[in-house]
Amino acid sequence: MEIIQIVAISIIAVVLAVLIRQHRPEIALQISVVTGLLIFLTVIIKLASVLEELQGFVGRINIDMAYISTIFRIVGIAYIAEFGAQVCKDAGENSIASKIELAGKVIILVLAVPILMALMELIIQIIP
């Protein structure tokens, strides 16, 4: 039922932003950003419980926790970069948004290199 609350808040924020944008566009942008942050925080709180469950599951199987924590960081970076890029696009700054997306991709690639190297080593060990 939380999705109904999120959608209701979003619709109210959109109506307010559209009405206010004609007279005070800077306040309309602030309404959009604050609404986005509220939704983002709501989702992050829900993701925390999912991450705890996954960590419990990983503890029961034989996987190095460093790899799992790296994957969690990669997912977090992707969400944060997407959120930042969307805020910039809402503000009409498409060039900054594309730079945020590029930075997120590069950071994800850098974090993924150790996992890729471990995967390559495993493949080399399997192949005679």
N, C-alpha and C. Protein backbone atom coordinates (compact mmCIF):
# COMPACT_ATOMS: atom_id res chain seq x y z
N MET A 1 0.81 -1.19 0.00
CA MET A 1 0.00 0.00 0.00
C MET A 1 0.86 1.26 0.00
N GLU A 2 2.15 1.10 0.24
CA GLU A 2 3.01 2.27 0.25
C GLU A 2 3.11 2.91 -1.13
N ILE A 3 2.94 2.10 -2.16
CA ILE A 3 3.00 2.66 -3.51
C ILE A 3 1.88 3.66 -3.72
N ILE A 4 0.74 3.42 -3.10
CA ILE A 4 -0.37 4.37 -3.21
C ILE A 4 0.01 5.70 -2.57
N GLN A 5 0.67 5.65 -1.43
CA GLN A 5 1.13 6.87 -0.78
C GLN A 5 2.16 7.60 -1.64
N ILE A 6 3.09 6.83 -2.20
CA ILE A 6 4.13 7.45 -3.04
C ILE A 6 3.51 8.10 -4.26
N VAL A 7 2.58 7.41 -4.91
CA VAL A 7 1.93 7.97 -6.09
C VAL A 7 1.09 9.20 -5.72
N ALA A 8 0.39 9.14 -4.60
CA ALA A 8 -0.43 10.28 -4.17
C ALA A 8 0.44 11.51 -3.90
N ILE A 9 1.54 11.31 -3.17
CA ILE A 9 2.46 12.42 -2.90
C ILE A 9 3.02 12.96 -4.20
N SER A 10 3.36 12.07 -5.12
CA SER A 10 3.92 12.49 -6.41
C SER A 10 2.92 13.31 -7.22
N ILE A 11 1.68 12.87 -7.24
CA ILE A 11 0.66 13.61 -8.00
C ILE A 11 0.42 14.97 -7.40
N ILE A 12 0.37 15.05 -6.08
CA ILE A 12 0.20 16.35 -5.41
C ILE A 12 1.38 17.26 -5.73
N ALA A 13 2.58 16.71 -5.68
CA ALA A 13 3.78 17.51 -5.98
C ALA A 13 3.79 17.99 -7.43
N VAL A 14 3.36 17.14 -8.34
CA VAL A 14 3.32 17.53 -9.75
C VAL A 14 2.31 18.66 -9.97
N VAL A 15 1.14 18.54 -9.36
CA VAL A 15 0.12 19.58 -9.50
C VAL A 15 0.64 20.89 -8.93
N LEU A 16 1.25 20.84 -7.74
CA LEU A 16 1.81 22.05 -7.15
C LEU A 16 2.91 22.65 -8.02
N ALA A 17 3.79 21.80 -8.52
CA ALA A 17 4.90 22.29 -9.35
C ALA A 17 4.38 22.93 -10.63
N VAL A 18 3.38 22.33 -11.25
CA VAL A 18 2.84 22.90 -12.48
C VAL A 18 2.17 24.24 -12.21
N LEU A 19 1.43 24.34 -11.11
CA LEU A 19 0.76 25.60 -10.79
C LEU A 19 1.75 26.69 -10.42
N ILE A 20 2.78 26.33 -9.68
CA ILE A 20 3.75 27.33 -9.20
C ILE A 20 4.76 27.70 -10.28
N ARG A 21 5.04 26.80 -11.22
CA ARG A 21 6.06 27.03 -12.23
C ARG A 21 5.81 28.30 -13.04
N GLN A 22 4.56 28.66 -13.24
CA GLN A 22 4.25 29.86 -14.03
C GLN A 22 4.76 31.12 -13.36
N HIS A 23 4.71 31.16 -12.03
CA HIS A 23 5.08 32.39 -11.31
C HIS A 23 6.46 32.29 -10.66
N ARG A 24 6.81 31.12 -10.12
CA ARG A 24 8.08 30.94 -9.42
C ARG A 24 8.73 29.61 -9.82
N PRO A 25 9.40 29.57 -10.96
CA PRO A 25 9.97 28.30 -11.42
C PRO A 25 11.00 27.69 -10.47
N GLU A 26 11.72 28.53 -9.71
CA GLU A 26 12.72 27.98 -8.79
C GLU A 26 12.07 27.20 -7.65
N ILE A 27 10.90 27.63 -7.21
CA ILE A 27 10.20 26.89 -6.16
C ILE A 27 9.63 25.59 -6.72
N ALA A 28 9.19 25.61 -7.96
CA ALA A 28 8.69 24.39 -8.59
C ALA A 28 9.80 23.35 -8.67
N LEU A 29 11.00 23.79 -8.99
CA LEU A 29 12.13 22.87 -9.04
C LEU A 29 12.42 22.30 -7.65
N GLN A 30 12.36 23.14 -6.64
CA GLN A 30 12.59 22.67 -5.27
C GLN A 30 11.54 21.65 -4.85
N ILE A 31 10.30 21.87 -5.25
CA ILE A 31 9.24 20.90 -4.94
C ILE A 31 9.57 19.56 -5.60
N SER A 32 10.02 19.59 -6.83
CA SER A 32 10.37 18.36 -7.54
C SER A 32 11.53 17.63 -6.86
N VAL A 33 12.54 18.37 -6.48
CA VAL A 33 13.71 17.76 -5.84
C VAL A 33 13.34 17.16 -4.49
N VAL A 34 12.60 17.89 -3.69
CA VAL A 34 12.21 17.39 -2.36
C VAL A 34 11.33 16.15 -2.49
N THR A 35 10.42 16.17 -3.44
CA THR A 35 9.56 15.00 -3.65
C THR A 35 10.40 13.80 -4.08
N GLY A 36 11.33 14.03 -4.98
CA GLY A 36 12.22 12.95 -5.40
C GLY A 36 13.04 12.39 -4.24
N LEU A 37 13.53 13.27 -3.38
CA LEU A 37 14.29 12.82 -2.22
C LEU A 37 13.43 11.99 -1.27
N LEU A 38 12.19 12.43 -1.05
CA LEU A 38 11.29 11.68 -0.17
C LEU A 38 11.03 10.28 -0.72
N ILE A 39 10.80 10.19 -2.00
CA ILE A 39 10.57 8.89 -2.62
C ILE A 39 11.83 8.04 -2.54
N PHE A 40 12.97 8.65 -2.82
CA PHE A 40 14.24 7.93 -2.78
C PHE A 40 14.52 7.39 -1.37
N LEU A 41 14.29 8.20 -0.35
CA LEU A 41 14.52 7.76 1.02
C LEU A 41 13.56 6.64 1.41
N THR A 42 12.32 6.73 0.97
CA THR A 42 11.35 5.67 1.24
C THR A 42 11.82 4.35 0.63
N VAL A 43 12.30 4.41 -0.57
CA VAL A 43 12.77 3.21 -1.25
C VAL A 43 14.04 2.67 -0.60
N ILE A 44 14.93 3.54 -0.20
CA ILE A 44 16.18 3.12 0.44
C ILE A 44 15.88 2.38 1.74
N ILE A 45 14.91 2.85 2.50
CA ILE A 45 14.54 2.18 3.75
C ILE A 45 14.06 0.76 3.46
N LYS A 46 13.29 0.62 2.40
CA LYS A 46 12.81 -0.72 2.02
C LYS A 46 13.96 -1.60 1.55
N LEU A 47 14.91 -1.02 0.82
CA LEU A 47 16.05 -1.78 0.34
C LEU A 47 16.94 -2.27 1.47
N ALA A 48 16.98 -1.54 2.57
CA ALA A 48 17.81 -1.94 3.71
C ALA A 48 17.37 -3.31 4.23
N SER A 49 16.07 -3.54 4.32
CA SER A 49 15.60 -4.83 4.81
C SER A 49 15.93 -5.95 3.81
N VAL A 50 15.86 -5.65 2.54
CA VAL A 50 16.21 -6.64 1.53
C VAL A 50 17.70 -6.98 1.63
N LEU A 51 18.53 -5.98 1.82
CA LEU A 51 19.97 -6.21 1.94
C LEU A 51 20.29 -7.07 3.16
N GLU A 52 19.58 -6.85 4.26
CA GLU A 52 19.81 -7.66 5.45
C GLU A 52 19.46 -9.13 5.18
N GLU A 53 18.37 -9.37 4.49
CA GLU A 53 17.99 -10.73 4.14
C GLU A 53 19.04 -11.38 3.24
N LEU A 54 19.52 -10.63 2.25
CA LEU A 54 20.53 -11.17 1.35
C LEU A 54 21.84 -11.47 2.09
N GLN A 55 22.21 -10.61 3.03
CA GLN A 55 23.42 -10.86 3.79
C GLN A 55 23.28 -12.12 4.63
N GLY A 56 22.09 -12.34 5.20
CA GLY A 56 21.85 -13.57 5.95
C GLY A 56 21.96 -14.79 5.06
N PHE A 57 21.44 -14.68 3.84
CA PHE A 57 21.51 -15.78 2.89
C PHE A 57 22.95 -16.06 2.47
N VAL A 58 23.69 -15.00 2.22
CA VAL A 58 25.09 -15.15 1.80
C VAL A 58 25.91 -15.78 2.93
N GLY A 59 25.55 -15.48 4.17
CA GLY A 59 26.25 -16.07 5.30
C GLY A 59 26.09 -17.57 5.37
N ARG A 60 25.00 -18.10 4.84
CA ARG A 60 24.75 -19.54 4.86
C ARG A 60 25.43 -20.29 3.73
N ILE A 61 25.78 -19.58 2.66
CA ILE A 61 26.47 -20.24 1.56
C ILE A 61 27.92 -19.80 1.54
N ASN A 62 28.71 -20.45 0.76
CA ASN A 62 30.16 -20.20 0.77
C ASN A 62 30.55 -19.22 -0.34
N ILE A 63 30.23 -17.93 -0.12
CA ILE A 63 30.63 -16.87 -1.05
C ILE A 63 31.37 -15.81 -0.24
N ASP A 64 32.44 -15.32 -0.81
CA ASP A 64 33.21 -14.27 -0.15
C ASP A 64 32.35 -13.01 -0.01
N MET A 65 32.23 -12.50 1.19
CA MET A 65 31.39 -11.33 1.45
C MET A 65 31.90 -10.08 0.74
N ALA A 66 33.19 -10.04 0.42
CA ALA A 66 33.74 -8.88 -0.30
C ALA A 66 33.07 -8.72 -1.66
N TYR A 67 32.80 -9.84 -2.33
CA TYR A 67 32.17 -9.77 -3.63
C TYR A 67 30.71 -9.29 -3.51
N ILE A 68 30.03 -9.79 -2.52
CA ILE A 68 28.63 -9.39 -2.34
C ILE A 68 28.55 -7.92 -1.95
N SER A 69 29.42 -7.46 -1.07
CA SER A 69 29.37 -6.04 -0.69
C SER A 69 29.72 -5.15 -1.88
N THR A 70 30.61 -5.61 -2.74
CA THR A 70 30.93 -4.85 -3.95
C THR A 70 29.72 -4.76 -4.87
N ILE A 71 29.00 -5.86 -5.00
CA ILE A 71 27.80 -5.84 -5.84
C ILE A 71 26.76 -4.88 -5.25
N PHE A 72 26.60 -4.89 -3.92
CA PHE A 72 25.67 -3.95 -3.28
C PHE A 72 26.09 -2.51 -3.54
N ARG A 73 27.39 -2.24 -3.46
CA ARG A 73 27.87 -0.87 -3.74
C ARG A 73 27.61 -0.48 -5.20
N ILE A 74 27.80 -1.41 -6.10
CA ILE A 74 27.56 -1.13 -7.52
C ILE A 74 26.09 -0.77 -7.75
N VAL A 75 25.20 -1.55 -7.15
CA VAL A 75 23.76 -1.27 -7.30
C VAL A 75 23.43 0.09 -6.68
N GLY A 76 24.01 0.39 -5.52
CA GLY A 76 23.77 1.69 -4.89
C GLY A 76 24.26 2.85 -5.74
N ILE A 77 25.43 2.70 -6.31
CA ILE A 77 25.98 3.74 -7.18
C ILE A 77 25.08 3.95 -8.39
N ALA A 78 24.57 2.86 -8.95
CA ALA A 78 23.69 2.98 -10.11
C ALA A 78 22.43 3.75 -9.75
N TYR A 79 21.82 3.44 -8.61
CA TYR A 79 20.60 4.15 -8.19
C TYR A 79 20.88 5.62 -7.91
N ILE A 80 21.96 5.90 -7.21
CA ILE A 80 22.29 7.29 -6.86
C ILE A 80 22.61 8.09 -8.11
N ALA A 81 23.38 7.52 -9.02
CA ALA A 81 23.72 8.22 -10.26
C ALA A 81 22.46 8.51 -11.08
N GLU A 82 21.58 7.53 -11.17
CA GLU A 82 20.33 7.72 -11.91
C GLU A 82 19.48 8.82 -11.28
N PHE A 83 19.39 8.81 -9.96
CA PHE A 83 18.62 9.84 -9.26
C PHE A 83 19.21 11.22 -9.51
N GLY A 84 20.53 11.35 -9.38
CA GLY A 84 21.17 12.64 -9.62
C GLY A 84 21.00 13.11 -11.05
N ALA A 85 21.10 12.19 -11.99
CA ALA A 85 20.93 12.56 -13.40
C ALA A 85 19.50 13.02 -13.67
N GLN A 86 18.53 12.35 -13.08
CA GLN A 86 17.14 12.74 -13.29
C GLN A 86 16.85 14.11 -12.69
N VAL A 87 17.44 14.41 -11.53
CA VAL A 87 17.26 15.74 -10.94
C VAL A 87 17.84 16.80 -11.86
N CYS A 88 19.02 16.53 -12.42
CA CYS A 88 19.63 17.49 -13.34
C CYS A 88 18.79 17.65 -14.61
N LYS A 89 18.24 16.56 -15.11
CA LYS A 89 17.38 16.65 -16.30
C LYS A 89 16.12 17.45 -16.00
N ASP A 90 15.56 17.26 -14.81
CA ASP A 90 14.38 18.05 -14.42
C ASP A 90 14.70 19.53 -14.37
N ALA A 91 15.93 19.85 -14.00
CA ALA A 91 16.35 21.25 -13.93
C ALA A 91 16.77 21.79 -15.29
N GLY A 92 16.74 20.95 -16.32
CA GLY A 92 17.10 21.39 -17.66
C GLY A 92 18.59 21.32 -17.94
N GLU A 93 19.33 20.66 -17.08
CA GLU A 93 20.79 20.55 -17.24
C GLU A 93 21.14 19.16 -17.78
N ASN A 94 20.84 18.93 -19.04
CA ASN A 94 21.08 17.61 -19.63
C ASN A 94 22.56 17.28 -19.74
N SER A 95 23.40 18.29 -19.95
CA SER A 95 24.84 18.01 -20.08
C SER A 95 25.42 17.55 -18.75
N ILE A 96 25.01 18.15 -17.66
CA ILE A 96 25.48 17.71 -16.34
C ILE A 96 24.94 16.32 -16.04
N ALA A 97 23.69 16.07 -16.42
CA ALA A 97 23.09 14.75 -16.20
C ALA A 97 23.88 13.67 -16.92
N SER A 98 24.29 13.95 -18.14
CA SER A 98 25.06 12.94 -18.88
C SER A 98 26.43 12.72 -18.24
N LYS A 99 27.00 13.76 -17.66
CA LYS A 99 28.29 13.60 -16.97
C LYS A 99 28.13 12.76 -15.71
N ILE A 100 27.03 12.92 -15.00
CA ILE A 100 26.77 12.09 -13.82
C ILE A 100 26.62 10.63 -14.23
N GLU A 101 25.90 10.40 -15.31
CA GLU A 101 25.72 9.03 -15.79
C GLU A 101 27.07 8.42 -16.19
N LEU A 102 27.90 9.19 -16.88
CA LEU A 102 29.23 8.70 -17.26
C LEU A 102 30.07 8.39 -16.03
N ALA A 103 30.07 9.29 -15.05
CA ALA A 103 30.84 9.06 -13.83
C ALA A 103 30.36 7.80 -13.11
N GLY A 104 29.06 7.60 -13.05
CA GLY A 104 28.53 6.40 -12.42
C GLY A 104 28.99 5.14 -13.12
N LYS A 105 28.97 5.17 -14.45
CA LYS A 105 29.41 4.00 -15.23
C LYS A 105 30.89 3.71 -15.00
N VAL A 106 31.70 4.75 -14.97
CA VAL A 106 33.14 4.55 -14.77
C VAL A 106 33.41 4.00 -13.37
N ILE A 107 32.75 4.54 -12.37
CA ILE A 107 32.94 4.07 -11.00
C ILE A 107 32.49 2.61 -10.87
N ILE A 108 31.38 2.27 -11.51
CA ILE A 108 30.90 0.89 -11.49
C ILE A 108 31.92 -0.03 -12.16
N LEU A 109 32.49 0.40 -13.27
CA LEU A 109 33.50 -0.41 -13.96
C LEU A 109 34.72 -0.63 -13.07
N VAL A 110 35.16 0.42 -12.39
CA VAL A 110 36.32 0.30 -11.51
C VAL A 110 36.03 -0.68 -10.37
N LEU A 111 34.82 -0.60 -9.79
CA LEU A 111 34.47 -1.51 -8.71
C LEU A 111 34.31 -2.95 -9.19
N ALA A 112 33.92 -3.13 -10.44
CA ALA A 112 33.66 -4.47 -10.96
C ALA A 112 34.93 -5.21 -11.39
N VAL A 113 36.04 -4.51 -11.55
CA VAL A 113 37.26 -5.15 -12.04
C VAL A 113 37.71 -6.31 -11.14
N PRO A 114 37.75 -6.17 -9.81
CA PRO A 114 38.17 -7.32 -8.99
C PRO A 114 37.26 -8.54 -9.15
N ILE A 115 35.97 -8.31 -9.30
CA ILE A 115 35.04 -9.42 -9.50
C ILE A 115 35.30 -10.07 -10.85
N LEU A 116 35.52 -9.28 -11.87
CA LEU A 116 35.81 -9.83 -13.19
C LEU A 116 37.12 -10.62 -13.19
N MET A 117 38.12 -10.11 -12.48
CA MET A 117 39.40 -10.83 -12.40
C MET A 117 39.23 -12.16 -11.68
N ALA A 118 38.46 -12.19 -10.61
CA ALA A 118 38.22 -13.44 -9.89
C ALA A 118 37.47 -14.43 -10.77
N LEU A 119 36.53 -13.92 -11.55
CA LEU A 119 35.78 -14.77 -12.46
C LEU A 119 36.70 -15.35 -13.54
N MET A 120 37.58 -14.54 -14.06
CA MET A 120 38.54 -15.01 -15.07
C MET A 120 39.46 -16.08 -14.49
N GLU A 121 39.92 -15.87 -13.27
CA GLU A 121 40.79 -16.86 -12.63
C GLU A 121 40.05 -18.18 -12.42
N LEU A 122 38.78 -18.11 -12.06
CA LEU A 122 37.98 -19.31 -11.88
C LEU A 122 37.81 -20.05 -13.21
N ILE A 123 37.57 -19.31 -14.28
CA ILE A 123 37.44 -19.92 -15.60
C ILE A 123 38.75 -20.59 -16.02
N ILE A 124 39.87 -19.93 -15.75
CA ILE A 124 41.17 -20.49 -16.10
C ILE A 124 41.43 -21.77 -15.32
N GLN A 125 41.00 -21.83 -14.05
CA GLN A 125 41.19 -23.03 -13.24
C GLN A 125 40.31 -24.18 -13.74
N ILE A 126 39.13 -23.86 -14.23
CA ILE A 126 38.21 -24.89 -14.69
C ILE A 126 38.66 -25.48 -16.01
N ILE A 127 39.13 -24.63 -16.91
CA ILE A 127 39.58 -25.08 -18.23
C ILE A 127 40.97 -25.71 -18.09
N PRO A 128 41.14 -26.97 -18.56
CA PRO A 128 42.46 -27.63 -18.41
C PRO A 128 43.52 -27.01 -19.32
